[in-house]
Amino acid sequence: MKTYRKNTAAIILNAENEILLFQRADLPQIWGFPQGGIETGEAPEQAVVRELEEEIGTKDFEIIGKYPELLRYDFPEGMIFQKV
């Protein structure tokens, strides 16, 4: 049985209801949502607050929704990860 890393991600809407994507610092051609692992003993909501502060430098936001289920995905075979 596969094990999956617990993770959280944020889809951010600005005041004009536009979805914000962020360019990665380590891979400038890649864009995505702020995301990261959930630490031991941390609730998903706590993790998303921490990740947003770490990745975009703010705690000035309101969580307005949460996806009701867990999502799992596998990376394509041969995908290479670069350490920063």
PDB file of N, CA and C in Angstrom:
ATOM      1  N   MET A   1       0.844  -1.191   0.000  1.00  0.00           N
ATOM      2  CA  MET A   1       0.000   0.000   0.000  1.00  0.00           C
ATOM      3  C   MET A   1       0.882   1.245   0.000  1.00  0.00           C
ATOM      4  N   LYS A   2       0.558   2.204  -0.847  1.00  0.00           N
ATOM      5  CA  LYS A   2       1.303   3.453  -0.914  1.00  0.00           C
ATOM      6  C   LYS A   2       0.979   4.332   0.279  1.00  0.00           C
ATOM      7  N   THR A   3       1.971   5.114   0.679  1.00  0.00           N
ATOM      8  CA  THR A   3       1.719   6.135   1.690  1.00  0.00           C
ATOM      9  C   THR A   3       1.847   7.491   1.017  1.00  0.00           C
ATOM     10  N   TYR A   4       1.074   8.430   1.475  1.00  0.00           N
ATOM     11  CA  TYR A   4       1.065   9.765   0.899  1.00  0.00           C
ATOM     12  C   TYR A   4       1.401  10.780   1.980  1.00  0.00           C
ATOM     13  N   ARG A   5       2.145  11.798   1.598  1.00  0.00           N
ATOM     14  CA  ARG A   5       2.505  12.876   2.505  1.00  0.00           C
ATOM     15  C   ARG A   5       1.289  13.779   2.702  1.00  0.00           C
ATOM     16  N   LYS A   6       0.981  14.107   3.953  1.00  0.00           N
ATOM     17  CA  LYS A   6      -0.115  15.041   4.221  1.00  0.00           C
ATOM     18  C   LYS A   6       0.327  16.433   3.811  1.00  0.00           C
ATOM     19  N   ASN A   7      -0.531  17.112   3.074  1.00  0.00           N
ATOM     20  CA  ASN A   7      -0.178  18.380   2.470  1.00  0.00           C
ATOM     21  C   ASN A   7      -1.391  19.304   2.500  1.00  0.00           C
ATOM     22  N   THR A   8      -1.135  20.569   2.363  1.00  0.00           N
ATOM     23  CA  THR A   8      -2.199  21.550   2.269  1.00  0.00           C
ATOM     24  C   THR A   8      -1.851  22.531   1.152  1.00  0.00           C
ATOM     25  N   ALA A   9      -2.842  23.149   0.579  1.00  0.00           N
ATOM     26  CA  ALA A   9      -2.623  24.139  -0.475  1.00  0.00           C
ATOM     27  C   ALA A   9      -3.704  25.207  -0.372  1.00  0.00           C
ATOM     28  N   ALA A  10      -3.406  26.379  -0.908  1.00  0.00           N
ATOM     29  CA  ALA A  10      -4.367  27.486  -0.851  1.00  0.00           C
ATOM     30  C   ALA A  10      -4.637  28.011  -2.248  1.00  0.00           C
ATOM     31  N   ILE A  11      -5.899  28.154  -2.567  1.00  0.00           N
ATOM     32  CA  ILE A  11      -6.313  28.857  -3.786  1.00  0.00           C
ATOM     33  C   ILE A  11      -6.762  30.232  -3.313  1.00  0.00           C
ATOM     34  N   ILE A  12      -6.094  31.258  -3.803  1.00  0.00           N
ATOM     35  CA  ILE A  12      -6.300  32.602  -3.294  1.00  0.00           C
ATOM     36  C   ILE A  12      -7.059  33.444  -4.313  1.00  0.00           C
ATOM     37  N   LEU A  13      -8.116  34.092  -3.843  1.00  0.00           N
ATOM     38  CA  LEU A  13      -8.879  35.040  -4.658  1.00  0.00           C
ATOM     39  C   LEU A  13      -8.544  36.445  -4.172  1.00  0.00           C
ATOM     40  N   ASN A  14      -8.289  37.355  -5.111  1.00  0.00           N
ATOM     41  CA  ASN A  14      -8.068  38.741  -4.712  1.00  0.00           C
ATOM     42  C   ASN A  14      -9.412  39.473  -4.649  1.00  0.00           C
ATOM     43  N   ALA A  15      -9.373  40.768  -4.420  1.00  0.00           N
ATOM     44  CA  ALA A  15     -10.606  41.560  -4.265  1.00  0.00           C
ATOM     45  C   ALA A  15     -11.472  41.553  -5.516  1.00  0.00           C
ATOM     46  N   GLU A  16     -10.880  41.291  -6.672  1.00  0.00           N
ATOM     47  CA  GLU A  16     -11.630  41.236  -7.934  1.00  0.00           C
ATOM     48  C   GLU A  16     -12.064  39.813  -8.279  1.00  0.00           C
ATOM     49  N   ASN A  17     -11.962  38.895  -7.321  1.00  0.00           N
ATOM     50  CA  ASN A  17     -12.286  37.474  -7.512  1.00  0.00           C
ATOM     51  C   ASN A  17     -11.434  36.804  -8.581  1.00  0.00           C
ATOM     52  N   GLU A  18     -10.200  37.267  -8.747  1.00  0.00           N
ATOM     53  CA  GLU A  18      -9.248  36.630  -9.644  1.00  0.00           C
ATOM     54  C   GLU A  18      -8.421  35.637  -8.845  1.00  0.00           C
ATOM     55  N   ILE A  19      -8.129  34.489  -9.441  1.00  0.00           N
ATOM     56  CA  ILE A  19      -7.296  33.480  -8.785  1.00  0.00           C
ATOM     57  C   ILE A  19      -5.840  33.868  -8.967  1.00  0.00           C
ATOM     58  N   LEU A  20      -5.101  33.873  -7.858  1.00  0.00           N
ATOM     59  CA  LEU A  20      -3.686  34.231  -7.910  1.00  0.00           C
ATOM     60  C   LEU A  20      -2.821  32.977  -8.011  1.00  0.00           C
ATOM     61  N   LEU A  21      -1.900  32.995  -8.953  1.00  0.00           N
ATOM     62  CA  LEU A  21      -0.875  31.962  -9.085  1.00  0.00           C
ATOM     63  C   LEU A  21       0.458  32.619  -8.782  1.00  0.00           C
ATOM     64  N   PHE A  22       1.389  31.838  -8.276  1.00  0.00           N
ATOM     65  CA  PHE A  22       2.684  32.376  -7.903  1.00  0.00           C
ATOM     66  C   PHE A  22       3.786  31.643  -8.651  1.00  0.00           C
ATOM     67  N   GLN A  23       4.775  32.405  -9.112  1.00  0.00           N
ATOM     68  CA  GLN A  23       5.910  31.822  -9.808  1.00  0.00           C
ATOM     69  C   GLN A  23       6.898  31.289  -8.775  1.00  0.00           C
ATOM     70  N   ARG A  24       7.377  30.076  -9.008  1.00  0.00           N
ATOM     71  CA  ARG A  24       8.334  29.469  -8.088  1.00  0.00           C
ATOM     72  C   ARG A  24       9.680  30.159  -8.189  1.00  0.00           C
ATOM     73  N   ALA A  25      10.335  30.370  -7.056  1.00  0.00           N
ATOM     74  CA  ALA A  25      11.657  30.991  -7.047  1.00  0.00           C
ATOM     75  C   ALA A  25      12.715  30.029  -7.582  1.00  0.00           C
ATOM     76  N   ASP A  26      12.548  28.730  -7.308  1.00  0.00           N
ATOM     77  CA  ASP A  26      13.558  27.739  -7.714  1.00  0.00           C
ATOM     78  C   ASP A  26      13.375  27.252  -9.146  1.00  0.00           C
ATOM     79  N   LEU A  27      12.169  27.354  -9.672  1.00  0.00           N
ATOM     80  CA  LEU A  27      11.872  26.924 -11.043  1.00  0.00           C
ATOM     81  C   LEU A  27      11.031  28.012 -11.698  1.00  0.00           C
ATOM     82  N   PRO A  28      11.665  29.059 -12.233  1.00  0.00           N
ATOM     83  CA  PRO A  28      10.916  30.227 -12.720  1.00  0.00           C
ATOM     84  C   PRO A  28       9.893  29.940 -13.807  1.00  0.00           C
ATOM     85  N   GLN A  29       9.986  28.814 -14.488  1.00  0.00           N
ATOM     86  CA  GLN A  29       9.016  28.498 -15.535  1.00  0.00           C
ATOM     87  C   GLN A  29       7.772  27.794 -14.970  1.00  0.00           C
ATOM     88  N   ILE A  30       7.751  27.549 -13.666  1.00  0.00           N
ATOM     89  CA  ILE A  30       6.646  26.830 -13.026  1.00  0.00           C
ATOM     90  C   ILE A  30       5.838  27.790 -12.147  1.00  0.00           C
ATOM     91  N   TRP A  31       4.518  27.697 -12.272  1.00  0.00           N
ATOM     92  CA  TRP A  31       3.603  28.514 -11.485  1.00  0.00           C
ATOM     93  C   TRP A  31       2.677  27.593 -10.690  1.00  0.00           C
ATOM     94  N   GLY A  32       2.215  28.048  -9.531  1.00  0.00           N
ATOM     95  CA  GLY A  32       1.308  27.216  -8.756  1.00  0.00           C
ATOM     96  C   GLY A  32       0.731  27.953  -7.570  1.00  0.00           C
ATOM     97  N   PHE A  33       0.064  27.179  -6.742  1.00  0.00           N
ATOM     98  CA  PHE A  33      -0.548  27.696  -5.527  1.00  0.00           C
ATOM     99  C   PHE A  33       0.406  27.477  -4.353  1.00  0.00           C
ATOM    100  N   PRO A  34       0.354  28.341  -3.335  1.00  0.00           N
ATOM    101  CA  PRO A  34       1.141  28.085  -2.133  1.00  0.00           C
ATOM    102  C   PRO A  34       0.702  26.751  -1.527  1.00  0.00           C
ATOM    103  N   GLN A  35       1.660  25.946  -1.145  1.00  0.00           N
ATOM    104  CA  GLN A  35       1.333  24.632  -0.600  1.00  0.00           C
ATOM    105  C   GLN A  35       2.522  24.097   0.187  1.00  0.00           C
ATOM    106  N   GLY A  36       2.273  23.075   0.978  1.00  0.00           N
ATOM    107  CA  GLY A  36       3.355  22.436   1.712  1.00  0.00           C
ATOM    108  C   GLY A  36       2.826  21.378   2.647  1.00  0.00           C
ATOM    109  N   GLY A  37       3.752  20.683   3.261  1.00  0.00           N
ATOM    110  CA  GLY A  37       3.408  19.576   4.137  1.00  0.00           C
ATOM    111  C   GLY A  37       2.772  20.012   5.446  1.00  0.00           C
ATOM    112  N   ILE A  38       1.946  19.121   5.969  1.00  0.00           N
ATOM    113  CA  ILE A  38       1.339  19.320   7.283  1.00  0.00           C
ATOM    114  C   ILE A  38       2.255  18.650   8.296  1.00  0.00           C
ATOM    115  N   GLU A  39       2.709  19.412   9.281  1.00  0.00           N
ATOM    116  CA  GLU A  39       3.628  18.892  10.291  1.00  0.00           C
ATOM    117  C   GLU A  39       2.871  18.070  11.328  1.00  0.00           C
ATOM    118  N   THR A  40       3.597  17.185  12.000  1.00  0.00           N
ATOM    119  CA  THR A  40       3.009  16.332  13.034  1.00  0.00           C
ATOM    120  C   THR A  40       2.300  17.187  14.081  1.00  0.00           C
ATOM    121  N   GLY A  41       1.057  16.837  14.389  1.00  0.00           N
ATOM    122  CA  GLY A  41       0.272  17.542  15.394  1.00  0.00           C
ATOM    123  C   GLY A  41      -0.381  18.826  14.900  1.00  0.00           C
ATOM    124  N   GLU A  42      -0.191  19.157  13.634  1.00  0.00           N
ATOM    125  CA  GLU A  42      -0.725  20.393  13.070  1.00  0.00           C
ATOM    126  C   GLU A  42      -2.029  20.097  12.328  1.00  0.00           C
ATOM    127  N   ALA A  43      -3.035  20.928  12.527  1.00  0.00           N
ATOM    128  CA  ALA A  43      -4.290  20.809  11.781  1.00  0.00           C
ATOM    129  C   ALA A  43      -4.076  21.390  10.381  1.00  0.00           C
ATOM    130  N   PRO A  44      -4.839  20.918   9.386  1.00  0.00           N
ATOM    131  CA  PRO A  44      -4.692  21.472   8.031  1.00  0.00           C
ATOM    132  C   PRO A  44      -4.830  22.994   7.977  1.00  0.00           C
ATOM    133  N   GLU A  45      -5.749  23.555   8.748  1.00  0.00           N
ATOM    134  CA  GLU A  45      -5.938  25.005   8.757  1.00  0.00           C
ATOM    135  C   GLU A  45      -4.699  25.711   9.315  1.00  0.00           C
ATOM    136  N   GLN A  46      -4.087  25.148  10.351  1.00  0.00           N
ATOM    137  CA  GLN A  46      -2.857  25.720  10.895  1.00  0.00           C
ATOM    138  C   GLN A  46      -1.739  25.657   9.855  1.00  0.00           C
ATOM    139  N   ALA A  47      -1.671  24.552   9.139  1.00  0.00           N
ATOM    140  CA  ALA A  47      -0.629  24.376   8.126  1.00  0.00           C
ATOM    141  C   ALA A  47      -0.779  25.380   6.993  1.00  0.00           C
ATOM    142  N   VAL A  48      -2.000  25.631   6.554  1.00  0.00           N
ATOM    143  CA  VAL A  48      -2.182  26.577   5.449  1.00  0.00           C
ATOM    144  C   VAL A  48      -1.826  27.998   5.895  1.00  0.00           C
ATOM    145  N   VAL A  49      -2.120  28.355   7.128  1.00  0.00           N
ATOM    146  CA  VAL A  49      -1.722  29.665   7.655  1.00  0.00           C
ATOM    147  C   VAL A  49      -0.198  29.766   7.676  1.00  0.00           C
ATOM    148  N   ARG A  50       0.476  28.750   8.175  1.00  0.00           N
ATOM    149  CA  ARG A  50       1.933  28.731   8.225  1.00  0.00           C
ATOM    150  C   ARG A  50       2.536  28.801   6.824  1.00  0.00           C
ATOM    151  N   GLU A  51       2.007  27.996   5.915  1.00  0.00           N
ATOM    152  CA  GLU A  51       2.542  27.972   4.550  1.00  0.00           C
ATOM    153  C   GLU A  51       2.368  29.322   3.853  1.00  0.00           C
ATOM    154  N   LEU A  52       1.219  29.956   4.013  1.00  0.00           N
ATOM    155  CA  LEU A  52       1.008  31.261   3.382  1.00  0.00           C
ATOM    156  C   LEU A  52       1.952  32.309   3.967  1.00  0.00           C
ATOM    157  N   GLU A  53       2.195  32.239   5.260  1.00  0.00           N
ATOM    158  CA  GLU A  53       3.145  33.186   5.849  1.00  0.00           C
ATOM    159  C   GLU A  53       4.557  32.911   5.332  1.00  0.00           C
ATOM    160  N   GLU A  54       4.954  31.641   5.257  1.00  0.00           N
ATOM    161  CA  GLU A  54       6.290  31.297   4.770  1.00  0.00           C
ATOM    162  C   GLU A  54       6.465  31.633   3.288  1.00  0.00           C
ATOM    163  N   GLU A  55       5.466  31.322   2.486  1.00  0.00           N
ATOM    164  CA  GLU A  55       5.635  31.405   1.037  1.00  0.00           C
ATOM    165  C   GLU A  55       5.283  32.756   0.433  1.00  0.00           C
ATOM    166  N   ILE A  56       4.295  33.452   0.987  1.00  0.00           N
ATOM    167  CA  ILE A  56       3.958  34.763   0.406  1.00  0.00           C
ATOM    168  C   ILE A  56       4.026  35.893   1.434  1.00  0.00           C
ATOM    169  N   GLY A  57       4.415  35.562   2.680  1.00  0.00           N
ATOM    170  CA  GLY A  57       4.704  36.586   3.672  1.00  0.00           C
ATOM    171  C   GLY A  57       3.520  37.276   4.301  1.00  0.00           C
ATOM    172  N   THR A  58       2.391  36.586   4.432  1.00  0.00           N
ATOM    173  CA  THR A  58       1.236  37.244   5.053  1.00  0.00           C
ATOM    174  C   THR A  58       0.390  36.265   5.860  1.00  0.00           C
ATOM    175  N   LYS A  59      -0.255  36.841   6.879  1.00  0.00           N
ATOM    176  CA  LYS A  59      -1.311  36.148   7.610  1.00  0.00           C
ATOM    177  C   LYS A  59      -2.619  36.920   7.432  1.00  0.00           C
ATOM    178  N   ASP A  60      -2.595  37.879   6.541  1.00  0.00           N
ATOM    179  CA  ASP A  60      -3.737  38.767   6.323  1.00  0.00           C
ATOM    180  C   ASP A  60      -4.665  38.172   5.264  1.00  0.00           C
ATOM    181  N   PHE A  61      -5.435  37.177   5.672  1.00  0.00           N
ATOM    182  CA  PHE A  61      -6.374  36.518   4.774  1.00  0.00           C
ATOM    183  C   PHE A  61      -7.449  35.834   5.606  1.00  0.00           C
ATOM    184  N   GLU A  62      -8.489  35.431   4.934  1.00  0.00           N
ATOM    185  CA  GLU A  62      -9.589  34.707   5.578  1.00  0.00           C
ATOM    186  C   GLU A  62      -9.799  33.398   4.825  1.00  0.00           C
ATOM    187  N   ILE A  63      -9.872  32.301   5.554  1.00  0.00           N
ATOM    188  CA  ILE A  63     -10.196  31.012   4.939  1.00  0.00           C
ATOM    189  C   ILE A  63     -11.708  30.984   4.750  1.00  0.00           C
ATOM    190  N   ILE A  64     -12.161  30.879   3.498  1.00  0.00           N
ATOM    191  CA  ILE A  64     -13.601  30.930   3.223  1.00  0.00           C
ATOM    192  C   ILE A  64     -14.177  29.576   2.831  1.00  0.00           C
ATOM    193  N   GLY A  65     -13.320  28.597   2.676  1.00  0.00           N
ATOM    194  CA  GLY A  65     -13.820  27.277   2.312  1.00  0.00           C
ATOM    195  C   GLY A  65     -12.731  26.227   2.438  1.00  0.00           C
ATOM    196  N   LYS A  66     -13.174  24.999   2.429  1.00  0.00           N
ATOM    197  CA  LYS A  66     -12.261  23.865   2.557  1.00  0.00           C
ATOM    198  C   LYS A  66     -12.822  22.731   1.711  1.00  0.00           C
ATOM    199  N   TYR A  67     -11.964  22.108   0.912  1.00  0.00           N
ATOM    200  CA  TYR A  67     -12.414  20.971   0.124  1.00  0.00           C
ATOM    201  C   TYR A  67     -12.813  19.850   1.081  1.00  0.00           C
ATOM    202  N   PRO A  68     -13.969  19.231   0.891  1.00  0.00           N
ATOM    203  CA  PRO A  68     -14.515  18.309   1.887  1.00  0.00           C
ATOM    204  C   PRO A  68     -13.858  16.930   1.948  1.00  0.00           C
ATOM    205  N   GLU A  69     -13.012  16.612   0.995  1.00  0.00           N
ATOM    206  CA  GLU A  69     -12.409  15.274   0.962  1.00  0.00           C
ATOM    207  C   GLU A  69     -10.897  15.372   0.858  1.00  0.00           C
ATOM    208  N   LEU A  70     -10.229  14.243   1.116  1.00  0.00           N
ATOM    209  CA  LEU A  70      -8.793  14.166   0.871  1.00  0.00           C
ATOM    210  C   LEU A  70      -8.550  13.903  -0.604  1.00  0.00           C
ATOM    211  N   LEU A  71      -7.514  14.501  -1.132  1.00  0.00           N
ATOM    212  CA  LEU A  71      -7.110  14.246  -2.509  1.00  0.00           C
ATOM    213  C   LEU A  71      -5.766  13.535  -2.491  1.00  0.00           C
ATOM    214  N   ARG A  72      -5.593  12.582  -3.377  1.00  0.00           N
ATOM    215  CA  ARG A  72      -4.312  11.889  -3.505  1.00  0.00           C
ATOM    216  C   ARG A  72      -3.895  11.944  -4.960  1.00  0.00           C
ATOM    217  N   TYR A  73      -2.597  12.093  -5.177  1.00  0.00           N
ATOM    218  CA  TYR A  73      -2.096  12.042  -6.548  1.00  0.00           C
ATOM    219  C   TYR A  73      -0.689  11.474  -6.552  1.00  0.00           C
ATOM    220  N   ASP A  74      -0.333  10.907  -7.674  1.00  0.00           N
ATOM    221  CA  ASP A  74       1.000  10.347  -7.882  1.00  0.00           C
ATOM    222  C   ASP A  74       1.706  11.205  -8.927  1.00  0.00           C
ATOM    223  N   PHE A  75       2.982  11.434  -8.710  1.00  0.00           N
ATOM    224  CA  PHE A  75       3.773  12.141  -9.708  1.00  0.00           C
ATOM    225  C   PHE A  75       4.070  11.202 -10.866  1.00  0.00           C
ATOM    226  N   PRO A  76       4.183  11.740 -12.065  1.00  0.00           N
ATOM    227  CA  PRO A  76       4.491  10.888 -13.226  1.00  0.00           C
ATOM    228  C   PRO A  76       5.844  10.188 -13.046  1.00  0.00           C
ATOM    229  N   GLU A  77       5.936   8.976 -13.530  1.00  0.00           N
ATOM    230  CA  GLU A  77       7.173   8.229 -13.451  1.00  0.00           C
ATOM    231  C   GLU A  77       8.276   9.016 -14.167  1.00  0.00           C
ATOM    232  N   GLY A  78       9.435   9.065 -13.559  1.00  0.00           N
ATOM    233  CA  GLY A  78      10.560   9.768 -14.161  1.00  0.00           C
ATOM    234  C   GLY A  78      10.632  11.245 -13.824  1.00  0.00           C
ATOM    235  N   MET A  79       9.657  11.762 -13.073  1.00  0.00           N
ATOM    236  CA  MET A  79       9.688  13.179 -12.709  1.00  0.00           C
ATOM    237  C   MET A  79      10.874  13.420 -11.784  1.00  0.00           C
ATOM    238  N   ILE A  80      11.609  14.489 -12.046  1.00  0.00           N
ATOM    239  CA  ILE A  80      12.814  14.804 -11.277  1.00  0.00           C
ATOM    240  C   ILE A  80      12.557  16.023 -10.415  1.00  0.00           C
ATOM    241  N   PHE A  81      12.937  15.933  -9.136  1.00  0.00           N
ATOM    242  CA  PHE A  81      12.787  17.040  -8.208  1.00  0.00           C
ATOM    243  C   PHE A  81      14.156  17.644  -7.945  1.00  0.00           C
ATOM    244  N   GLN A  82      14.208  18.961  -7.890  1.00  0.00           N
ATOM    245  CA  GLN A  82      15.456  19.664  -7.594  1.00  0.00           C
ATOM    246  C   GLN A  82      15.384  20.210  -6.196  1.00  0.00           C
ATOM    247  N   LYS A  83      16.474  20.021  -5.452  1.00  0.00           N
ATOM    248  CA  LYS A  83      16.543  20.612  -4.113  1.00  0.00           C
ATOM    249  C   LYS A  83      17.049  22.038  -4.233  1.00  0.00           C
ATOM    250  N   VAL A  84      16.479  22.910  -3.431  1.00  0.00           N
ATOM    251  CA  VAL A  84      16.871  24.325  -3.453  1.00  0.00           C
ATOM    252  C   VAL A  84      17.986  24.545  -2.471  1.00  0.00           C
TER     253      VAL A  84
END
